[in-house]
C-alpha atoms as a PDB file:
ATOM      1  CA  UNK A   1     -20.462   4.748  66.386  1.00  0.00           C
ATOM      2  CA  UNK A   2     -20.204   7.571  68.916  1.00  0.00           C
ATOM      3  CA  UNK A   3     -21.327   6.653  72.415  1.00  0.00           C
ATOM      4  CA  UNK A   4     -22.961   9.122  74.785  1.00  0.00           C
ATOM      5  CA  UNK A   5     -22.002   9.318  78.460  1.00  0.00           C
ATOM      6  CA  UNK A   6     -24.678   6.751  79.356  1.00  0.00           C
ATOM      7  CA  UNK A   7     -23.246   4.253  76.838  1.00  0.00           C
ATOM      8  CA  UNK A   8     -26.039   4.708  74.325  1.00  0.00           C
ATOM      9  CA  UNK A   9     -25.241   5.385  70.712  1.00  0.00           C
ATOM     10  CA  UNK A  10     -27.420   8.178  69.397  1.00  0.00           C
ATOM     11  CA  UNK A  11     -30.833   6.734  68.540  1.00  0.00           C
ATOM     12  CA  UNK A  12     -29.594   3.145  68.651  1.00  0.00           C
ATOM     13  CA  UNK A  13     -32.537   1.010  69.744  1.00  0.00           C
ATOM     14  CA  UNK A  14     -30.165  -1.933  70.240  1.00  0.00           C
ATOM     15  CA  UNK A  15     -28.136  -0.095  72.913  1.00  0.00           C
ATOM     16  CA  UNK A  16     -29.203  -1.091  76.418  1.00  0.00           C
ATOM     17  CA  UNK A  17     -29.404   2.438  77.812  1.00  0.00           C
ATOM     18  CA  UNK A  18     -30.911   4.131  74.768  1.00  0.00           C
ATOM     19  CA  UNK A  19     -34.076   6.154  75.435  1.00  0.00           C
ATOM     20  CA  UNK A  20     -35.400   4.738  72.143  1.00  0.00           C
ATOM     21  CA  UNK A  21     -36.234   1.566  74.027  1.00  0.00           C
ATOM     22  CA  UNK A  22     -38.869   3.306  76.123  1.00  0.00           C
ATOM     23  CA  UNK A  23     -40.706   4.444  72.980  1.00  0.00           C
ATOM     24  CA  UNK A  24     -40.318   0.985  71.431  1.00  0.00           C
ATOM     25  CA  UNK A  25     -41.758  -0.583  74.584  1.00  0.00           C
ATOM     26  CA  UNK A  26     -44.701   1.813  74.479  1.00  0.00           C
ATOM     27  CA  UNK A  27     -45.479   1.247  70.784  1.00  0.00           C
ATOM     28  CA  UNK A  28     -44.962  -2.532  70.935  1.00  0.00           C
ATOM     29  CA  UNK A  29     -47.663  -2.761  73.624  1.00  0.00           C
ATOM     30  CA  UNK A  30     -50.860  -4.182  72.125  1.00  0.00           C
ATOM     31  CA  UNK A  31     -53.126  -1.657  73.866  1.00  0.00           C
ATOM     32  CA  UNK A  32     -51.006   1.279  72.697  1.00  0.00           C
ATOM     33  CA  UNK A  33     -51.125  -0.001  69.120  1.00  0.00           C
ATOM     34  CA  UNK A  34     -54.898  -0.454  69.341  1.00  0.00           C
ATOM     35  CA  UNK A  35     -55.549   2.953  70.961  1.00  0.00           C
ATOM     36  CA  UNK A  36     -53.517   4.654  68.246  1.00  0.00           C
ATOM     37  CA  UNK A  37     -55.485   2.721  65.628  1.00  0.00           C
ATOM     38  CA  UNK A  38     -58.789   3.683  67.233  1.00  0.00           C
ATOM     39  CA  UNK A  39     -57.796   7.355  67.065  1.00  0.00           C
ATOM     40  CA  UNK A  40     -56.701   7.319  63.404  1.00  0.00           C
ATOM     41  CA  UNK A  41     -60.093   8.573  62.199  1.00  0.00           C
ATOM     42  CA  UNK A  42     -60.169  11.506  64.608  1.00  0.00           C
ATOM     43  CA  UNK A  43     -60.803  12.413  68.237  1.00  0.00           C
ATOM     44  CA  UNK A  44     -62.697  10.034  70.493  1.00  0.00           C
ATOM     45  CA  UNK A  45     -64.093  10.181  73.973  1.00  0.00           C
ATOM     46  CA  UNK A  46     -63.174   7.684  76.679  1.00  0.00           C
ATOM     47  CA  UNK A  47     -66.444   5.766  76.345  1.00  0.00           C
ATOM     48  CA  UNK A  48     -66.009   5.462  72.577  1.00  0.00           C
ATOM     49  CA  UNK A  49     -62.523   4.052  73.102  1.00  0.00           C
ATOM     50  CA  UNK A  50     -63.800   1.535  75.692  1.00  0.00           C
ATOM     51  CA  UNK A  51     -66.448   0.295  73.251  1.00  0.00           C
ATOM     52  CA  UNK A  52     -63.982   0.084  70.339  1.00  0.00           C
ATOM     53  CA  UNK A  53     -61.254  -1.668  72.340  1.00  0.00           C
ATOM     54  CA  UNK A  54     -63.116  -4.776  73.415  1.00  0.00           C
ATOM     55  CA  UNK A  55     -61.586  -6.403  76.473  1.00  0.00           C
ATOM     56  CA  UNK A  56     -59.616  -3.434  77.810  1.00  0.00           C
ATOM     57  CA  UNK A  57     -60.195  -2.617  81.457  1.00  0.00           C
ATOM     58  CA  UNK A  58     -60.861   0.984  82.496  1.00  0.00           C
ATOM     59  CA  UNK A  59     -57.590   0.972  84.470  1.00  0.00           C
ATOM     60  CA  UNK A  60     -55.483  -0.234  81.537  1.00  0.00           C
ATOM     61  CA  UNK A  61     -57.175   2.218  79.172  1.00  0.00           C
ATOM     62  CA  UNK A  62     -56.456   5.082  81.554  1.00  0.00           C
ATOM     63  CA  UNK A  63     -52.815   4.025  82.013  1.00  0.00           C
ATOM     64  CA  UNK A  64     -52.334   3.614  78.257  1.00  0.00           C
ATOM     65  CA  UNK A  65     -53.834   7.014  77.475  1.00  0.00           C
ATOM     66  CA  UNK A  66     -51.635   8.674  80.111  1.00  0.00           C
ATOM     67  CA  UNK A  67     -48.476   7.026  78.752  1.00  0.00           C
ATOM     68  CA  UNK A  68     -49.293   7.965  75.160  1.00  0.00           C
ATOM     69  CA  UNK A  69     -49.996  11.546  76.225  1.00  0.00           C
ATOM     70  CA  UNK A  70     -46.786  11.736  78.276  1.00  0.00           C
ATOM     71  CA  UNK A  71     -44.789  10.662  75.214  1.00  0.00           C
ATOM     72  CA  UNK A  72     -46.453  13.233  72.971  1.00  0.00           C
ATOM     73  CA  UNK A  73     -48.422  10.757  70.854  1.00  0.00           C
ATOM     74  CA  UNK A  74     -51.852  12.083  71.749  1.00  0.00           C
ATOM     75  CA  UNK A  75     -53.493  15.069  73.356  1.00  0.00           C
ATOM     76  CA  UNK A  76     -56.255  15.159  75.929  1.00  0.00           C
ATOM     77  CA  UNK A  77     -58.765  17.982  75.623  1.00  0.00           C
ATOM     78  CA  UNK A  78     -61.190  18.753  78.456  1.00  0.00           C
ATOM     79  CA  UNK A  79     -64.255  20.800  77.548  1.00  0.00           C
ATOM     80  CA  UNK A  80     -66.010  22.835  80.275  1.00  0.00           C
ATOM     81  CA  UNK A  81     -69.367  21.105  80.116  1.00  0.00           C
ATOM     82  CA  UNK A  82     -71.473  19.335  82.717  1.00  0.00           C
ATOM     83  CA  UNK A  83     -70.501  16.570  82.842  1.00  0.00           C
ATOM     84  CA  UNK A  84     -67.027  17.392  81.556  1.00  0.00           C
ATOM     85  CA  UNK A  85     -66.333  16.134  78.034  1.00  0.00           C
ATOM     86  CA  UNK A  86     -62.857  14.735  77.447  1.00  0.00           C
ATOM     87  CA  UNK A  87     -61.532  13.864  73.995  1.00  0.00           C
ATOM     88  CA  UNK A  88     -58.304  12.213  72.930  1.00  0.00           C
ATOM     89  CA  UNK A  89     -56.653  12.947  69.598  1.00  0.00           C
ATOM     90  CA  UNK A  90     -53.420  11.877  67.911  1.00  0.00           C
ATOM     91  CA  UNK A  91     -50.663  14.455  67.590  1.00  0.00           C
ATOM     92  CA  UNK A  92     -48.479  14.664  64.492  1.00  0.00           C
ATOM     93  CA  UNK A  93     -46.067  12.266  66.181  1.00  0.00           C
ATOM     94  CA  UNK A  94     -48.925   9.876  66.961  1.00  0.00           C
ATOM     95  CA  UNK A  95     -50.163  10.030  63.364  1.00  0.00           C
ATOM     96  CA  UNK A  96     -46.658   9.220  62.153  1.00  0.00           C
ATOM     97  CA  UNK A  97     -46.675   6.093  64.358  1.00  0.00           C
ATOM     98  CA  UNK A  98     -50.156   5.115  63.162  1.00  0.00           C
ATOM     99  CA  UNK A  99     -49.113   4.021  59.650  1.00  0.00           C
ATOM    100  CA  UNK A 100     -46.518   1.396  60.630  1.00  0.00           C
ATOM    101  CA  UNK A 101     -48.775   0.175  63.455  1.00  0.00           C
ATOM    102  CA  UNK A 102     -51.646  -0.204  60.970  1.00  0.00           C
ATOM    103  CA  UNK A 103     -49.377  -2.330  58.787  1.00  0.00           C
ATOM    104  CA  UNK A 104     -48.503  -4.476  61.805  1.00  0.00           C
ATOM    105  CA  UNK A 105     -52.186  -4.911  62.776  1.00  0.00           C
ATOM    106  CA  UNK A 106     -53.059  -5.824  59.174  1.00  0.00           C
ATOM    107  CA  UNK A 107     -50.189  -8.332  59.011  1.00  0.00           C
ATOM    108  CA  UNK A 108     -51.334  -9.945  62.272  1.00  0.00           C
ATOM    109  CA  UNK A 109     -54.926 -10.273  61.027  1.00  0.00           C
ATOM    110  CA  UNK A 110     -53.739 -11.864  57.760  1.00  0.00           C
ATOM    111  CA  UNK A 111     -51.292 -14.302  59.361  1.00  0.00           C
ATOM    112  CA  UNK A 112     -52.783 -15.171  62.757  1.00  0.00           C
ATOM    113  CA  UNK A 113     -53.520 -18.745  61.661  1.00  0.00           C
ATOM    114  CA  UNK A 114     -50.236 -19.310  59.846  1.00  0.00           C
ATOM    115  CA  UNK A 115     -48.103 -20.196  62.879  1.00  0.00           C
ATOM    116  CA  UNK A 116     -47.525 -23.885  63.428  1.00  0.00           C
END
């Protein structure tokens, strides 16, 4: 396997310095997986997300939304209304992550009691 200057093989999530790890860390986060799931049916406002994601603090929701936006998984649209209306929506990249994350969430719900 060819190694880049930083020691990372191209798109090798097992390589210590691979940028893939940052995306894996983001998607493996429970709140990221749940936010993406909450947005699968279309755009939602902040308050709708807070109600859907029981137990998330406003700070963690804000941080999660910012990280997902920074990585191109969702967009934030601000509408010039009073008060301002802000909606979050999955991008194509975010929608492509939604399917495997849905499978993971479904697996967890089916097997949560199976661990001994």
